C-alpha atoms as a PDB file:
ATOM      1  CA  UNK A   1      -0.580 -14.462 -18.668  1.00  0.00           C
ATOM      2  CA  UNK A   2      -2.148 -17.863 -18.183  1.00  0.00           C
ATOM      3  CA  UNK A   3       1.118 -19.155 -16.669  1.00  0.00           C
ATOM      4  CA  UNK A   4       0.468 -17.102 -13.520  1.00  0.00           C
ATOM      5  CA  UNK A   5      -1.833 -18.334 -10.790  1.00  0.00           C
ATOM      6  CA  UNK A   6      -4.107 -15.282 -10.645  1.00  0.00           C
ATOM      7  CA  UNK A   7      -6.573 -15.684  -7.830  1.00  0.00           C
ATOM      8  CA  UNK A   8      -9.208 -13.095  -7.028  1.00  0.00           C
ATOM      9  CA  UNK A   9      -7.322 -11.683  -4.009  1.00  0.00           C
ATOM     10  CA  UNK A  10      -4.121 -11.391  -6.057  1.00  0.00           C
ATOM     11  CA  UNK A  11      -5.877  -9.663  -8.939  1.00  0.00           C
ATOM     12  CA  UNK A  12      -7.670  -7.275  -6.586  1.00  0.00           C
ATOM     13  CA  UNK A  13      -4.441  -6.466  -4.756  1.00  0.00           C
ATOM     14  CA  UNK A  14      -2.475  -5.599  -7.890  1.00  0.00           C
ATOM     15  CA  UNK A  15      -5.476  -3.882  -9.479  1.00  0.00           C
ATOM     16  CA  UNK A  16      -5.795  -1.760  -6.347  1.00  0.00           C
ATOM     17  CA  UNK A  17      -2.128  -0.782  -6.559  1.00  0.00           C
ATOM     18  CA  UNK A  18      -2.573   0.231 -10.212  1.00  0.00           C
ATOM     19  CA  UNK A  19      -5.598   2.388  -9.334  1.00  0.00           C
ATOM     20  CA  UNK A  20      -3.670   3.886  -6.408  1.00  0.00           C
ATOM     21  CA  UNK A  21      -0.732   4.826  -8.631  1.00  0.00           C
ATOM     22  CA  UNK A  22      -3.013   6.390 -11.255  1.00  0.00           C
ATOM     23  CA  UNK A  23      -4.864   8.324  -8.554  1.00  0.00           C
ATOM     24  CA  UNK A  24      -1.627   9.537  -6.972  1.00  0.00           C
ATOM     25  CA  UNK A  25      -0.446  10.763 -10.385  1.00  0.00           C
ATOM     26  CA  UNK A  26      -3.642  12.758 -10.890  1.00  0.00           C
ATOM     27  CA  UNK A  27      -3.502  14.205  -7.362  1.00  0.00           C
ATOM     28  CA  UNK A  28       0.158  15.170  -7.816  1.00  0.00           C
ATOM     29  CA  UNK A  29      -0.626  16.934 -11.084  1.00  0.00           C
ATOM     30  CA  UNK A  30      -3.525  18.829  -9.513  1.00  0.00           C
ATOM     31  CA  UNK A  31      -1.953  19.637  -6.112  1.00  0.00           C
ATOM     32  CA  UNK A  32       1.870  19.434  -6.111  1.00  0.00           C
ATOM     33  CA  UNK A  33       3.259  17.890  -2.953  1.00  0.00           C
ATOM     34  CA  UNK A  34       5.202  19.601  -0.178  1.00  0.00           C
ATOM     35  CA  UNK A  35       7.563  17.503   1.941  1.00  0.00           C
ATOM     36  CA  UNK A  36       6.536  17.048   5.572  1.00  0.00           C
ATOM     37  CA  UNK A  37       7.545  15.119   8.662  1.00  0.00           C
ATOM     38  CA  UNK A  38       5.116  12.874  10.506  1.00  0.00           C
ATOM     39  CA  UNK A  39       5.666   9.806  12.688  1.00  0.00           C
ATOM     40  CA  UNK A  40       8.201   8.423  10.197  1.00  0.00           C
ATOM     41  CA  UNK A  41      11.749   9.434  11.126  1.00  0.00           C
ATOM     42  CA  UNK A  42      12.317  11.131   7.747  1.00  0.00           C
ATOM     43  CA  UNK A  43      10.820  13.977   5.746  1.00  0.00           C
ATOM     44  CA  UNK A  44       8.559  12.450   3.087  1.00  0.00           C
ATOM     45  CA  UNK A  45       6.430  13.335   0.085  1.00  0.00           C
ATOM     46  CA  UNK A  46       3.130  11.665  -0.800  1.00  0.00           C
ATOM     47  CA  UNK A  47       4.978   9.321  -3.167  1.00  0.00           C
ATOM     48  CA  UNK A  48       7.477   8.379  -0.458  1.00  0.00           C
ATOM     49  CA  UNK A  49       4.665   7.585   1.963  1.00  0.00           C
ATOM     50  CA  UNK A  50       2.867   5.526  -0.691  1.00  0.00           C
ATOM     51  CA  UNK A  51       6.034   3.503  -1.353  1.00  0.00           C
ATOM     52  CA  UNK A  52       6.673   2.965   2.370  1.00  0.00           C
ATOM     53  CA  UNK A  53       3.034   2.000   2.889  1.00  0.00           C
ATOM     54  CA  UNK A  54       3.072  -0.504   0.017  1.00  0.00           C
ATOM     55  CA  UNK A  55       6.364  -1.990   1.173  1.00  0.00           C
ATOM     56  CA  UNK A  56       4.995  -2.345   4.704  1.00  0.00           C
ATOM     57  CA  UNK A  57       1.847  -3.927   3.287  1.00  0.00           C
ATOM     58  CA  UNK A  58       3.904  -6.541   1.445  1.00  0.00           C
ATOM     59  CA  UNK A  59       5.766  -7.443   4.629  1.00  0.00           C
ATOM     60  CA  UNK A  60       2.495  -7.514   6.566  1.00  0.00           C
ATOM     61  CA  UNK A  61       1.015  -9.951   4.051  1.00  0.00           C
ATOM     62  CA  UNK A  62       4.073 -12.184   4.308  1.00  0.00           C
ATOM     63  CA  UNK A  63       3.900 -12.090   8.100  1.00  0.00           C
ATOM     64  CA  UNK A  64       0.204 -12.981   8.245  1.00  0.00           C
ATOM     65  CA  UNK A  65       0.496 -15.743   5.647  1.00  0.00           C
ATOM     66  CA  UNK A  66       3.679 -17.199   7.153  1.00  0.00           C
ATOM     67  CA  UNK A  67       2.905 -17.012  10.861  1.00  0.00           C
ATOM     68  CA  UNK A  68      -0.880 -17.299  11.190  1.00  0.00           C
ATOM     69  CA  UNK A  69      -3.661 -19.308   9.633  1.00  0.00           C
ATOM     70  CA  UNK A  70      -5.738 -16.179   8.981  1.00  0.00           C
ATOM     71  CA  UNK A  71      -7.342 -15.471   5.637  1.00  0.00           C
ATOM     72  CA  UNK A  72      -5.521 -13.322   3.118  1.00  0.00           C
ATOM     73  CA  UNK A  73      -8.491 -10.939   3.379  1.00  0.00           C
ATOM     74  CA  UNK A  74      -7.513 -10.148   6.971  1.00  0.00           C
ATOM     75  CA  UNK A  75      -3.978  -9.399   5.797  1.00  0.00           C
ATOM     76  CA  UNK A  76      -5.425  -7.131   3.118  1.00  0.00           C
ATOM     77  CA  UNK A  77      -7.563  -5.278   5.646  1.00  0.00           C
ATOM     78  CA  UNK A  78      -4.590  -4.800   7.986  1.00  0.00           C
ATOM     79  CA  UNK A  79      -2.504  -3.601   5.041  1.00  0.00           C
ATOM     80  CA  UNK A  80      -5.161  -1.100   4.042  1.00  0.00           C
ATOM     81  CA  UNK A  81      -5.262   0.275   7.583  1.00  0.00           C
ATOM     82  CA  UNK A  82      -1.436   0.500   7.635  1.00  0.00           C
ATOM     83  CA  UNK A  83      -1.398   2.283   4.274  1.00  0.00           C
ATOM     84  CA  UNK A  84      -4.048   4.778   5.384  1.00  0.00           C
ATOM     85  CA  UNK A  85      -2.136   5.505   8.604  1.00  0.00           C
ATOM     86  CA  UNK A  86       1.152   6.058   6.754  1.00  0.00           C
ATOM     87  CA  UNK A  87      -0.479   8.270   4.122  1.00  0.00           C
ATOM     88  CA  UNK A  88      -2.286  10.372   6.729  1.00  0.00           C
ATOM     89  CA  UNK A  89       0.168  10.645   9.624  1.00  0.00           C
ATOM     90  CA  UNK A  90       3.465   9.342   8.184  1.00  0.00           C
END
């Protein structure tokens, strides 16, 4: 994989997603999910909220990188807050 430009933020981001997916699998096996409705306009499961949160995080990163001169770490922090909000109240 030397052809890819793996920087520390990129590796941490994708490593975090891998850990999140493994954790969600273990949680789902231990406590099966029940669909619920939060602030999102649809009924969602934990997996749905994780997908929506990750998708929103990707768009948030693109927005911060494309529109501001902020560090990618700020985008990562904002994405983490977005993901936590979607997982908790979405």
